[in-house]
Amino acid sequence: MATTKPGERKLQILQTLASMLEQPKGEKITTAALAARLDVSEAALYRHFASKAQMFEGLIEFIESTVFGLINQITAQQENGLLQVQAITGMLLNFAERNPGMTRVIIGDALVNEDPRLQLRMNQFVERVELAIKQAMRVAVSQGQAMEAEVATRANMITSLVMGRWHRFAKTGFQQNPSDNAQAQIQLMLV
């Protein structure tokens, strides 16, 4: 019997949960189904996570750390505010394409009938994304590329476009890629 290193089983549980969320039909995931997929008992799951909500929190932490880490990289490497906005939105759409199960967490599909605080946390995630886009737009204002009066409106429109594309991706069974022709639409919002 192979032994797993500390933390490996926890990561394996989260990866399996994420892969189960990639199923287009989006059935409710139970701890029994997750345990069966991992070929362990439900009790084994609860040795690593106190609850199913804690498992989803692990996925949310991955989403937050990845997305905001990438946003920080973009803003550090790109000085042009409008190019920051384009890079951030492109990254958000590509993240969804590469992580369809996580997309269902972001839009809340996977959180229906789960602890309400999980949906609250994802709402805060979207607010932070919009704030990052606003900050990039303010850089564009300081560079004479945009008007201060339009910052909040444009950031909200772009965030709404990204959210709509995430929803469409999930609702089409991951057939309609979020990044398809997105840059042209974003470009129109920045003119």
N, C-alpha and C. Protein backbone atom coordinates (compact mmCIF):
# COMPACT_ATOMS: atom_id res chain seq x y z
N MET A 1 0.84 -1.19 0.00
CA MET A 1 0.00 0.00 0.00
C MET A 1 0.89 1.25 0.00
N ALA A 2 0.69 2.11 -0.95
CA ALA A 2 1.50 3.31 -1.07
C ALA A 2 1.04 4.34 -0.05
N THR A 3 2.00 4.97 0.58
CA THR A 3 1.65 6.02 1.52
C THR A 3 1.79 7.37 0.82
N THR A 4 0.95 8.29 1.22
CA THR A 4 1.02 9.62 0.63
C THR A 4 1.66 10.57 1.62
N LYS A 5 2.39 11.53 1.10
CA LYS A 5 3.05 12.53 1.94
C LYS A 5 1.98 13.46 2.51
N PRO A 6 2.29 14.09 3.63
CA PRO A 6 1.32 15.04 4.21
C PRO A 6 0.96 16.11 3.17
N GLY A 7 -0.30 16.40 3.07
CA GLY A 7 -0.76 17.40 2.11
C GLY A 7 -1.10 16.84 0.74
N GLU A 8 -0.50 15.70 0.38
CA GLU A 8 -0.77 15.11 -0.93
C GLU A 8 -2.21 14.65 -1.06
N ARG A 9 -2.72 13.99 -0.03
CA ARG A 9 -4.09 13.49 -0.06
C ARG A 9 -5.07 14.66 -0.13
N LYS A 10 -4.78 15.71 0.62
CA LYS A 10 -5.64 16.90 0.62
C LYS A 10 -5.69 17.49 -0.79
N LEU A 11 -4.54 17.61 -1.44
CA LEU A 11 -4.47 18.13 -2.80
C LEU A 11 -5.21 17.20 -3.76
N GLN A 12 -5.04 15.90 -3.57
CA GLN A 12 -5.71 14.91 -4.42
C GLN A 12 -7.24 15.04 -4.29
N ILE A 13 -7.72 15.28 -3.08
CA ILE A 13 -9.16 15.46 -2.85
C ILE A 13 -9.65 16.69 -3.61
N LEU A 14 -8.91 17.80 -3.50
CA LEU A 14 -9.30 19.03 -4.19
C LEU A 14 -9.26 18.87 -5.71
N GLN A 15 -8.23 18.20 -6.21
CA GLN A 15 -8.12 17.98 -7.66
C GLN A 15 -9.27 17.11 -8.17
N THR A 16 -9.64 16.12 -7.40
CA THR A 16 -10.74 15.24 -7.78
C THR A 16 -12.06 16.00 -7.74
N LEU A 17 -12.26 16.80 -6.71
CA LEU A 17 -13.46 17.63 -6.63
C LEU A 17 -13.54 18.55 -7.85
N ALA A 18 -12.44 19.19 -8.19
CA ALA A 18 -12.41 20.09 -9.36
C ALA A 18 -12.73 19.33 -10.64
N SER A 19 -12.19 18.13 -10.79
CA SER A 19 -12.46 17.36 -12.01
C SER A 19 -13.92 16.92 -12.07
N MET A 20 -14.52 16.62 -10.91
CA MET A 20 -15.93 16.25 -10.89
C MET A 20 -16.80 17.45 -11.29
N LEU A 21 -16.36 18.65 -10.95
CA LEU A 21 -17.10 19.86 -11.30
C LEU A 21 -17.03 20.16 -12.80
N GLU A 22 -16.12 19.51 -13.50
CA GLU A 22 -15.97 19.71 -14.94
C GLU A 22 -17.01 18.95 -15.76
N GLN A 23 -17.83 18.16 -15.10
CA GLN A 23 -18.86 17.42 -15.81
C GLN A 23 -19.95 18.41 -16.25
N PRO A 24 -20.22 18.48 -17.54
CA PRO A 24 -21.15 19.49 -18.06
C PRO A 24 -22.55 19.45 -17.44
N LYS A 25 -23.01 18.30 -17.03
CA LYS A 25 -24.37 18.21 -16.48
C LYS A 25 -24.47 18.90 -15.13
N GLY A 26 -23.35 18.96 -14.42
CA GLY A 26 -23.32 19.70 -13.17
C GLY A 26 -24.17 19.15 -12.05
N GLU A 27 -24.20 17.81 -11.90
CA GLU A 27 -24.96 17.24 -10.79
C GLU A 27 -24.33 17.64 -9.46
N LYS A 28 -25.16 17.63 -8.41
CA LYS A 28 -24.66 17.95 -7.08
C LYS A 28 -23.62 16.93 -6.68
N ILE A 29 -22.53 17.40 -6.17
CA ILE A 29 -21.44 16.51 -5.76
C ILE A 29 -21.59 16.22 -4.28
N THR A 30 -21.68 14.94 -3.97
CA THR A 30 -21.80 14.52 -2.58
C THR A 30 -20.44 14.02 -2.10
N THR A 31 -20.27 14.01 -0.78
CA THR A 31 -19.02 13.48 -0.24
C THR A 31 -18.93 11.98 -0.53
N ALA A 32 -20.08 11.31 -0.61
CA ALA A 32 -20.06 9.87 -0.93
C ALA A 32 -19.52 9.65 -2.34
N ALA A 33 -19.97 10.47 -3.30
CA ALA A 33 -19.50 10.34 -4.68
C ALA A 33 -18.02 10.70 -4.78
N LEU A 34 -17.61 11.72 -4.06
CA LEU A 34 -16.20 12.12 -4.06
C LEU A 34 -15.33 11.02 -3.46
N ALA A 35 -15.78 10.45 -2.34
CA ALA A 35 -15.03 9.37 -1.69
C ALA A 35 -14.94 8.16 -2.62
N ALA A 36 -16.04 7.85 -3.31
CA ALA A 36 -16.03 6.71 -4.23
C ALA A 36 -15.05 6.95 -5.37
N ARG A 37 -15.01 8.16 -5.91
CA ARG A 37 -14.10 8.48 -7.00
C ARG A 37 -12.64 8.33 -6.55
N LEU A 38 -12.38 8.65 -5.29
CA LEU A 38 -11.02 8.56 -4.75
C LEU A 38 -10.70 7.17 -4.22
N ASP A 39 -11.74 6.32 -4.14
CA ASP A 39 -11.60 4.98 -3.58
C ASP A 39 -11.15 5.02 -2.12
N VAL A 40 -11.80 5.92 -1.37
CA VAL A 40 -11.56 6.03 0.07
C VAL A 40 -12.91 6.13 0.76
N SER A 41 -12.91 6.05 2.07
CA SER A 41 -14.16 6.21 2.82
C SER A 41 -14.46 7.70 3.01
N GLU A 42 -15.72 8.00 3.29
CA GLU A 42 -16.07 9.39 3.59
C GLU A 42 -15.30 9.87 4.82
N ALA A 43 -15.10 8.96 5.78
CA ALA A 43 -14.35 9.31 6.99
C ALA A 43 -12.94 9.78 6.62
N ALA A 44 -12.35 9.17 5.60
CA ALA A 44 -11.01 9.58 5.15
C ALA A 44 -11.02 11.02 4.63
N LEU A 45 -12.10 11.40 3.96
CA LEU A 45 -12.22 12.79 3.51
C LEU A 45 -12.24 13.75 4.70
N TYR A 46 -12.99 13.36 5.72
CA TYR A 46 -13.16 14.23 6.88
C TYR A 46 -11.93 14.26 7.79
N ARG A 47 -10.96 13.41 7.53
CA ARG A 47 -9.69 13.51 8.24
C ARG A 47 -8.89 14.70 7.70
N HIS A 48 -9.16 15.09 6.47
CA HIS A 48 -8.43 16.18 5.82
C HIS A 48 -9.23 17.49 5.79
N PHE A 49 -10.55 17.38 5.77
CA PHE A 49 -11.42 18.55 5.73
C PHE A 49 -12.55 18.34 6.73
N ALA A 50 -12.85 19.36 7.51
CA ALA A 50 -13.90 19.25 8.52
C ALA A 50 -15.29 19.17 7.89
N SER A 51 -15.42 19.68 6.66
CA SER A 51 -16.73 19.70 6.01
C SER A 51 -16.54 19.82 4.50
N LYS A 52 -17.64 19.61 3.78
CA LYS A 52 -17.60 19.82 2.33
C LYS A 52 -17.36 21.29 2.02
N ALA A 53 -17.90 22.17 2.84
CA ALA A 53 -17.67 23.61 2.66
C ALA A 53 -16.17 23.92 2.72
N GLN A 54 -15.47 23.24 3.60
CA GLN A 54 -14.02 23.46 3.71
C GLN A 54 -13.30 22.99 2.44
N MET A 55 -13.83 21.97 1.79
CA MET A 55 -13.25 21.51 0.52
C MET A 55 -13.42 22.60 -0.55
N PHE A 56 -14.63 23.18 -0.59
CA PHE A 56 -14.88 24.25 -1.55
C PHE A 56 -14.02 25.47 -1.23
N GLU A 57 -13.80 25.73 0.07
CA GLU A 57 -12.92 26.83 0.45
C GLU A 57 -11.51 26.61 -0.09
N GLY A 58 -11.06 25.36 -0.11
CA GLY A 58 -9.76 25.05 -0.68
C GLY A 58 -9.70 25.40 -2.16
N LEU A 59 -10.78 25.11 -2.89
CA LEU A 59 -10.84 25.48 -4.31
C LEU A 59 -10.87 26.99 -4.47
N ILE A 60 -11.63 27.67 -3.62
CA ILE A 60 -11.72 29.12 -3.69
C ILE A 60 -10.37 29.76 -3.40
N GLU A 61 -9.64 29.22 -2.44
CA GLU A 61 -8.31 29.74 -2.14
C GLU A 61 -7.39 29.59 -3.35
N PHE A 62 -7.49 28.46 -4.05
CA PHE A 62 -6.70 28.27 -5.28
C PHE A 62 -7.07 29.33 -6.31
N ILE A 63 -8.36 29.55 -6.52
CA ILE A 63 -8.83 30.53 -7.49
C ILE A 63 -8.30 31.92 -7.14
N GLU A 64 -8.49 32.31 -5.89
CA GLU A 64 -8.07 33.65 -5.46
C GLU A 64 -6.56 33.84 -5.59
N SER A 65 -5.80 32.89 -5.07
CA SER A 65 -4.35 33.07 -5.10
C SER A 65 -3.82 33.08 -6.53
N THR A 66 -4.38 32.23 -7.40
CA THR A 66 -3.93 32.19 -8.79
C THR A 66 -4.30 33.48 -9.52
N VAL A 67 -5.56 33.84 -9.47
CA VAL A 67 -6.03 35.02 -10.22
C VAL A 67 -5.36 36.30 -9.73
N PHE A 68 -5.32 36.53 -8.43
CA PHE A 68 -4.75 37.79 -7.94
C PHE A 68 -3.23 37.79 -8.04
N GLY A 69 -2.62 36.63 -7.98
CA GLY A 69 -1.17 36.55 -8.24
C GLY A 69 -0.87 36.95 -9.68
N LEU A 70 -1.70 36.48 -10.62
CA LEU A 70 -1.51 36.83 -12.03
C LEU A 70 -1.82 38.30 -12.28
N ILE A 71 -2.84 38.84 -11.63
CA ILE A 71 -3.14 40.27 -11.77
C ILE A 71 -1.95 41.10 -11.29
N ASN A 72 -1.37 40.71 -10.17
CA ASN A 72 -0.20 41.44 -9.65
C ASN A 72 0.96 41.37 -10.63
N GLN A 73 1.17 40.22 -11.26
CA GLN A 73 2.23 40.10 -12.26
C GLN A 73 1.97 41.02 -13.44
N ILE A 74 0.73 41.03 -13.91
CA ILE A 74 0.37 41.87 -15.06
C ILE A 74 0.62 43.34 -14.75
N THR A 75 0.15 43.80 -13.59
CA THR A 75 0.30 45.23 -13.27
C THR A 75 1.76 45.60 -13.01
N ALA A 76 2.55 44.65 -12.54
CA ALA A 76 3.98 44.92 -12.32
C ALA A 76 4.76 44.97 -13.64
N GLN A 77 4.35 44.16 -14.61
CA GLN A 77 5.10 44.05 -15.86
C GLN A 77 4.61 45.01 -16.94
N GLN A 78 3.36 45.43 -16.88
CA GLN A 78 2.79 46.26 -17.94
C GLN A 78 2.49 47.66 -17.38
N GLU A 79 3.14 48.67 -17.92
CA GLU A 79 2.94 50.04 -17.43
C GLU A 79 1.71 50.71 -18.03
N ASN A 80 1.34 50.35 -19.25
CA ASN A 80 0.22 50.97 -19.95
C ASN A 80 -1.10 50.49 -19.34
N GLY A 81 -1.91 51.44 -18.85
CA GLY A 81 -3.16 51.11 -18.15
C GLY A 81 -4.15 50.33 -19.00
N LEU A 82 -4.36 50.76 -20.25
CA LEU A 82 -5.31 50.06 -21.11
C LEU A 82 -4.82 48.65 -21.45
N LEU A 83 -3.52 48.50 -21.62
CA LEU A 83 -2.98 47.16 -21.88
C LEU A 83 -3.09 46.28 -20.63
N GLN A 84 -3.01 46.90 -19.45
CA GLN A 84 -3.25 46.14 -18.21
C GLN A 84 -4.67 45.59 -18.20
N VAL A 85 -5.64 46.44 -18.54
CA VAL A 85 -7.04 46.01 -18.56
C VAL A 85 -7.21 44.85 -19.53
N GLN A 86 -6.66 44.97 -20.73
CA GLN A 86 -6.78 43.90 -21.73
C GLN A 86 -6.12 42.62 -21.24
N ALA A 87 -4.94 42.73 -20.63
CA ALA A 87 -4.24 41.54 -20.14
C ALA A 87 -4.99 40.88 -18.99
N ILE A 88 -5.53 41.69 -18.09
CA ILE A 88 -6.28 41.15 -16.95
C ILE A 88 -7.53 40.41 -17.45
N THR A 89 -8.28 41.04 -18.35
CA THR A 89 -9.50 40.39 -18.84
C THR A 89 -9.16 39.13 -19.63
N GLY A 90 -8.12 39.18 -20.44
CA GLY A 90 -7.70 37.99 -21.18
C GLY A 90 -7.32 36.86 -20.23
N MET A 91 -6.59 37.19 -19.17
CA MET A 91 -6.20 36.18 -18.18
C MET A 91 -7.43 35.58 -17.50
N LEU A 92 -8.40 36.42 -17.13
CA LEU A 92 -9.61 35.93 -16.45
C LEU A 92 -10.37 34.94 -17.34
N LEU A 93 -10.46 35.26 -18.62
CA LEU A 93 -11.18 34.38 -19.56
C LEU A 93 -10.40 33.09 -19.82
N ASN A 94 -9.09 33.21 -19.95
CA ASN A 94 -8.26 32.02 -20.17
C ASN A 94 -8.22 31.13 -18.93
N PHE A 95 -8.24 31.73 -17.74
CA PHE A 95 -8.28 30.94 -16.51
C PHE A 95 -9.51 30.04 -16.51
N ALA A 96 -10.65 30.60 -16.91
CA ALA A 96 -11.88 29.82 -16.97
C ALA A 96 -11.76 28.67 -17.96
N GLU A 97 -11.22 28.95 -19.14
CA GLU A 97 -11.07 27.90 -20.16
C GLU A 97 -10.21 26.76 -19.67
N ARG A 98 -9.14 27.10 -18.96
CA ARG A 98 -8.22 26.07 -18.47
C ARG A 98 -8.74 25.33 -17.24
N ASN A 99 -9.71 25.94 -16.56
CA ASN A 99 -10.22 25.39 -15.30
C ASN A 99 -11.75 25.39 -15.28
N PRO A 100 -12.37 24.57 -16.13
CA PRO A 100 -13.84 24.61 -16.21
C PRO A 100 -14.54 24.33 -14.89
N GLY A 101 -14.01 23.42 -14.10
CA GLY A 101 -14.63 23.13 -12.80
C GLY A 101 -14.59 24.34 -11.89
N MET A 102 -13.48 25.05 -11.92
CA MET A 102 -13.34 26.26 -11.10
C MET A 102 -14.31 27.34 -11.58
N THR A 103 -14.61 27.36 -12.87
CA THR A 103 -15.56 28.33 -13.41
C THR A 103 -16.92 28.12 -12.76
N ARG A 104 -17.30 26.87 -12.56
CA ARG A 104 -18.59 26.59 -11.90
C ARG A 104 -18.59 27.08 -10.46
N VAL A 105 -17.43 27.09 -9.82
CA VAL A 105 -17.33 27.64 -8.46
C VAL A 105 -17.44 29.16 -8.53
N ILE A 106 -16.71 29.79 -9.46
CA ILE A 106 -16.71 31.25 -9.58
C ILE A 106 -18.12 31.79 -9.81
N ILE A 107 -18.87 31.16 -10.72
CA ILE A 107 -20.21 31.69 -11.04
C ILE A 107 -21.27 31.23 -10.04
N GLY A 108 -20.90 30.35 -9.12
CA GLY A 108 -21.81 29.93 -8.06
C GLY A 108 -22.61 28.68 -8.35
N ASP A 109 -22.53 28.15 -9.56
CA ASP A 109 -23.26 26.92 -9.90
C ASP A 109 -22.96 25.79 -8.92
N ALA A 110 -21.68 25.62 -8.61
CA ALA A 110 -21.26 24.52 -7.76
C ALA A 110 -21.57 24.79 -6.29
N LEU A 111 -21.96 26.01 -5.98
CA LEU A 111 -22.17 26.39 -4.58
C LEU A 111 -23.63 26.39 -4.17
N VAL A 112 -24.53 26.08 -5.12
CA VAL A 112 -25.95 26.00 -4.80
C VAL A 112 -26.14 24.89 -3.76
N ASN A 113 -26.92 25.17 -2.76
CA ASN A 113 -27.19 24.24 -1.64
C ASN A 113 -25.97 24.00 -0.75
N GLU A 114 -24.92 24.82 -0.91
CA GLU A 114 -23.76 24.73 -0.02
C GLU A 114 -23.86 25.88 0.98
N ASP A 115 -22.89 25.99 1.84
CA ASP A 115 -22.86 27.05 2.85
C ASP A 115 -22.91 28.41 2.17
N PRO A 116 -23.86 29.28 2.56
CA PRO A 116 -24.01 30.61 1.91
C PRO A 116 -22.74 31.46 1.97
N ARG A 117 -21.88 31.24 2.95
CA ARG A 117 -20.67 32.05 3.04
C ARG A 117 -19.74 31.81 1.86
N LEU A 118 -19.86 30.65 1.21
CA LEU A 118 -19.03 30.36 0.03
C LEU A 118 -19.43 31.28 -1.12
N GLN A 119 -20.73 31.46 -1.33
CA GLN A 119 -21.19 32.36 -2.39
C GLN A 119 -20.81 33.80 -2.06
N LEU A 120 -20.90 34.16 -0.80
CA LEU A 120 -20.48 35.50 -0.38
C LEU A 120 -19.01 35.73 -0.73
N ARG A 121 -18.20 34.73 -0.48
CA ARG A 121 -16.77 34.84 -0.78
C ARG A 121 -16.53 35.01 -2.28
N MET A 122 -17.30 34.29 -3.11
CA MET A 122 -17.14 34.45 -4.55
C MET A 122 -17.65 35.81 -5.01
N ASN A 123 -18.68 36.35 -4.36
CA ASN A 123 -19.14 37.70 -4.67
C ASN A 123 -18.02 38.71 -4.38
N GLN A 124 -17.33 38.51 -3.26
CA GLN A 124 -16.21 39.38 -2.90
C GLN A 124 -15.07 39.24 -3.92
N PHE A 125 -14.87 38.03 -4.41
CA PHE A 125 -13.85 37.79 -5.44
C PHE A 125 -14.14 38.64 -6.67
N VAL A 126 -15.39 38.64 -7.12
CA VAL A 126 -15.77 39.42 -8.30
C VAL A 126 -15.59 40.92 -8.03
N GLU A 127 -15.93 41.35 -6.82
CA GLU A 127 -15.73 42.76 -6.46
C GLU A 127 -14.25 43.13 -6.52
N ARG A 128 -13.39 42.24 -6.05
CA ARG A 128 -11.95 42.50 -6.09
C ARG A 128 -11.43 42.51 -7.53
N VAL A 129 -11.99 41.66 -8.38
CA VAL A 129 -11.61 41.67 -9.80
C VAL A 129 -11.98 43.02 -10.41
N GLU A 130 -13.19 43.49 -10.14
CA GLU A 130 -13.63 44.77 -10.68
C GLU A 130 -12.75 45.90 -10.14
N LEU A 131 -12.36 45.81 -8.89
CA LEU A 131 -11.48 46.82 -8.31
C LEU A 131 -10.12 46.83 -9.02
N ALA A 132 -9.60 45.66 -9.35
CA ALA A 132 -8.32 45.58 -10.08
C ALA A 132 -8.44 46.22 -11.47
N ILE A 133 -9.58 46.01 -12.11
CA ILE A 133 -9.81 46.62 -13.43
C ILE A 133 -9.93 48.14 -13.27
N LYS A 134 -10.61 48.60 -12.21
CA LYS A 134 -10.70 50.04 -11.95
C LYS A 134 -9.32 50.65 -11.75
N GLN A 135 -8.48 49.94 -11.00
CA GLN A 135 -7.13 50.46 -10.74
C GLN A 135 -6.35 50.57 -12.04
N ALA A 136 -6.48 49.61 -12.93
CA ALA A 136 -5.81 49.67 -14.23
C ALA A 136 -6.38 50.82 -15.06
N MET A 137 -7.69 51.03 -14.96
CA MET A 137 -8.31 52.15 -15.68
C MET A 137 -7.80 53.48 -15.13
N ARG A 138 -7.57 53.57 -13.83
CA ARG A 138 -7.04 54.81 -13.24
C ARG A 138 -5.62 55.07 -13.73
N VAL A 139 -4.86 54.00 -13.93
CA VAL A 139 -3.53 54.16 -14.53
C VAL A 139 -3.69 54.75 -15.92
N ALA A 140 -4.66 54.25 -16.67
CA ALA A 140 -4.92 54.77 -18.02
C ALA A 140 -5.32 56.25 -17.96
N VAL A 141 -6.09 56.63 -16.94
CA VAL A 141 -6.47 58.04 -16.77
C VAL A 141 -5.22 58.89 -16.57
N SER A 142 -4.32 58.41 -15.70
CA SER A 142 -3.09 59.17 -15.41
C SER A 142 -2.20 59.29 -16.65
N GLN A 143 -2.40 58.40 -17.62
CA GLN A 143 -1.62 58.41 -18.85
C GLN A 143 -2.36 59.12 -19.98
N GLY A 144 -3.52 59.70 -19.65
CA GLY A 144 -4.28 60.44 -20.64
C GLY A 144 -5.02 59.55 -21.64
N GLN A 145 -5.24 58.27 -21.30
CA GLN A 145 -5.89 57.32 -22.20
C GLN A 145 -7.37 57.13 -21.91
N ALA A 146 -7.84 57.67 -20.78
CA ALA A 146 -9.25 57.51 -20.40
C ALA A 146 -9.64 58.69 -19.53
N MET A 147 -10.95 58.84 -19.34
CA MET A 147 -11.46 59.93 -18.50
C MET A 147 -11.88 59.38 -17.14
N GLU A 148 -11.54 60.11 -16.08
CA GLU A 148 -11.84 59.69 -14.71
C GLU A 148 -13.32 59.38 -14.53
N ALA A 149 -14.19 60.17 -15.14
CA ALA A 149 -15.64 60.00 -14.98
C ALA A 149 -16.12 58.65 -15.51
N GLU A 150 -15.34 58.03 -16.38
CA GLU A 150 -15.76 56.76 -17.00
C GLU A 150 -15.16 55.52 -16.34
N VAL A 151 -14.26 55.70 -15.39
CA VAL A 151 -13.53 54.57 -14.81
C VAL A 151 -14.48 53.51 -14.24
N ALA A 152 -15.37 53.91 -13.35
CA ALA A 152 -16.25 52.95 -12.68
C ALA A 152 -17.18 52.27 -13.68
N THR A 153 -17.73 53.04 -14.62
CA THR A 153 -18.65 52.48 -15.61
C THR A 153 -17.95 51.47 -16.51
N ARG A 154 -16.79 51.84 -17.01
CA ARG A 154 -16.06 50.92 -17.90
C ARG A 154 -15.61 49.66 -17.16
N ALA A 155 -15.13 49.83 -15.94
CA ALA A 155 -14.69 48.67 -15.15
C ALA A 155 -15.87 47.73 -14.90
N ASN A 156 -17.04 48.30 -14.62
CA ASN A 156 -18.23 47.48 -14.39
C ASN A 156 -18.66 46.77 -15.67
N MET A 157 -18.63 47.47 -16.79
CA MET A 157 -19.01 46.85 -18.07
C MET A 157 -18.07 45.68 -18.41
N ILE A 158 -16.78 45.89 -18.22
CA ILE A 158 -15.82 44.84 -18.55
C ILE A 158 -15.98 43.65 -17.61
N THR A 159 -16.18 43.93 -16.32
CA THR A 159 -16.41 42.85 -15.35
C THR A 159 -17.67 42.07 -15.72
N SER A 160 -18.71 42.78 -16.11
CA SER A 160 -19.96 42.13 -16.52
C SER A 160 -19.76 41.28 -17.76
N LEU A 161 -18.98 41.76 -18.70
CA LEU A 161 -18.68 40.97 -19.90
C LEU A 161 -17.96 39.68 -19.52
N VAL A 162 -16.96 39.79 -18.65
CA VAL A 162 -16.21 38.60 -18.21
C VAL A 162 -17.14 37.61 -17.51
N MET A 163 -17.97 38.12 -16.60
CA MET A 163 -18.90 37.24 -15.88
C MET A 163 -19.88 36.57 -16.84
N GLY A 164 -20.38 37.32 -17.80
CA GLY A 164 -21.30 36.75 -18.79
C GLY A 164 -20.64 35.65 -19.59
N ARG A 165 -19.39 35.85 -19.95
CA ARG A 165 -18.68 34.83 -20.71
C ARG A 165 -18.38 33.60 -19.85
N TRP A 166 -18.11 33.80 -18.57
CA TRP A 166 -17.93 32.66 -17.65
C TRP A 166 -19.23 31.86 -17.58
N HIS A 167 -20.35 32.56 -17.41
CA HIS A 167 -21.66 31.90 -17.33
C HIS A 167 -21.96 31.13 -18.61
N ARG A 168 -21.76 31.76 -19.73
CA ARG A 168 -22.05 31.12 -21.02
C ARG A 168 -21.20 29.87 -21.21
N PHE A 169 -19.94 29.94 -20.81
CA PHE A 169 -19.03 28.80 -20.89
C PHE A 169 -19.59 27.63 -20.09
N ALA A 170 -19.99 27.89 -18.84
CA ALA A 170 -20.52 26.83 -17.99
C ALA A 170 -21.87 26.33 -18.50
N LYS A 171 -22.74 27.24 -18.92
CA LYS A 171 -24.10 26.86 -19.33
C LYS A 171 -24.14 26.14 -20.68
N THR A 172 -23.08 26.28 -21.48
CA THR A 172 -23.02 25.56 -22.75
C THR A 172 -22.27 24.24 -22.60
N GLY A 173 -22.08 23.80 -21.36
CA GLY A 173 -21.35 22.55 -21.15
C GLY A 173 -19.89 22.68 -21.56
N PHE A 174 -19.35 23.88 -21.38
CA PHE A 174 -17.95 24.19 -21.68
C PHE A 174 -17.64 24.12 -23.17
N GLN A 175 -18.65 24.40 -23.99
CA GLN A 175 -18.48 24.39 -25.45
C GLN A 175 -18.15 25.77 -25.99
N GLN A 176 -18.71 26.81 -25.41
CA GLN A 176 -18.51 28.18 -25.88
C GLN A 176 -17.35 28.80 -25.09
N ASN A 177 -16.16 28.81 -25.68
CA ASN A 177 -14.99 29.32 -24.98
C ASN A 177 -15.14 30.80 -24.64
N PRO A 178 -14.82 31.17 -23.40
CA PRO A 178 -14.99 32.55 -22.99
C PRO A 178 -14.12 33.56 -23.75
N SER A 179 -12.97 33.13 -24.24
CA SER A 179 -12.06 34.07 -24.90
C SER A 179 -12.38 34.30 -26.37
N ASP A 180 -13.28 33.50 -26.96
CA ASP A 180 -13.60 33.66 -28.38
C ASP A 180 -14.08 35.08 -28.67
N ASN A 181 -13.33 35.81 -29.49
CA ASN A 181 -13.65 37.18 -29.92
C ASN A 181 -13.81 38.18 -28.77
N ALA A 182 -13.34 37.84 -27.60
CA ALA A 182 -13.52 38.72 -26.44
C ALA A 182 -12.69 39.99 -26.57
N GLN A 183 -11.49 39.87 -27.06
CA GLN A 183 -10.62 41.07 -27.09
C GLN A 183 -11.23 42.17 -27.96
N ALA A 184 -11.91 41.80 -29.03
CA ALA A 184 -12.56 42.81 -29.87
C ALA A 184 -13.65 43.54 -29.09
N GLN A 185 -14.41 42.82 -28.29
CA GLN A 185 -15.45 43.44 -27.48
C GLN A 185 -14.87 44.34 -26.40
N ILE A 186 -13.81 43.85 -25.76
CA ILE A 186 -13.16 44.64 -24.70
C ILE A 186 -12.57 45.91 -25.31
N GLN A 187 -11.98 45.77 -26.49
CA GLN A 187 -11.41 46.93 -27.18
C GLN A 187 -12.48 48.00 -27.40
N LEU A 188 -13.68 47.59 -27.79
CA LEU A 188 -14.78 48.55 -27.99
C LEU A 188 -15.14 49.29 -26.69
N MET A 189 -15.02 48.59 -25.56
CA MET A 189 -15.35 49.20 -24.27
C MET A 189 -14.28 50.18 -23.80
N LEU A 190 -13.10 50.09 -24.40
CA LEU A 190 -11.99 50.94 -23.98
C LEU A 190 -11.79 52.15 -24.89
N VAL A 191 -12.53 52.21 -25.98
CA VAL A 191 -12.36 53.32 -26.93
C VAL A 191 -13.00 54.58 -26.38
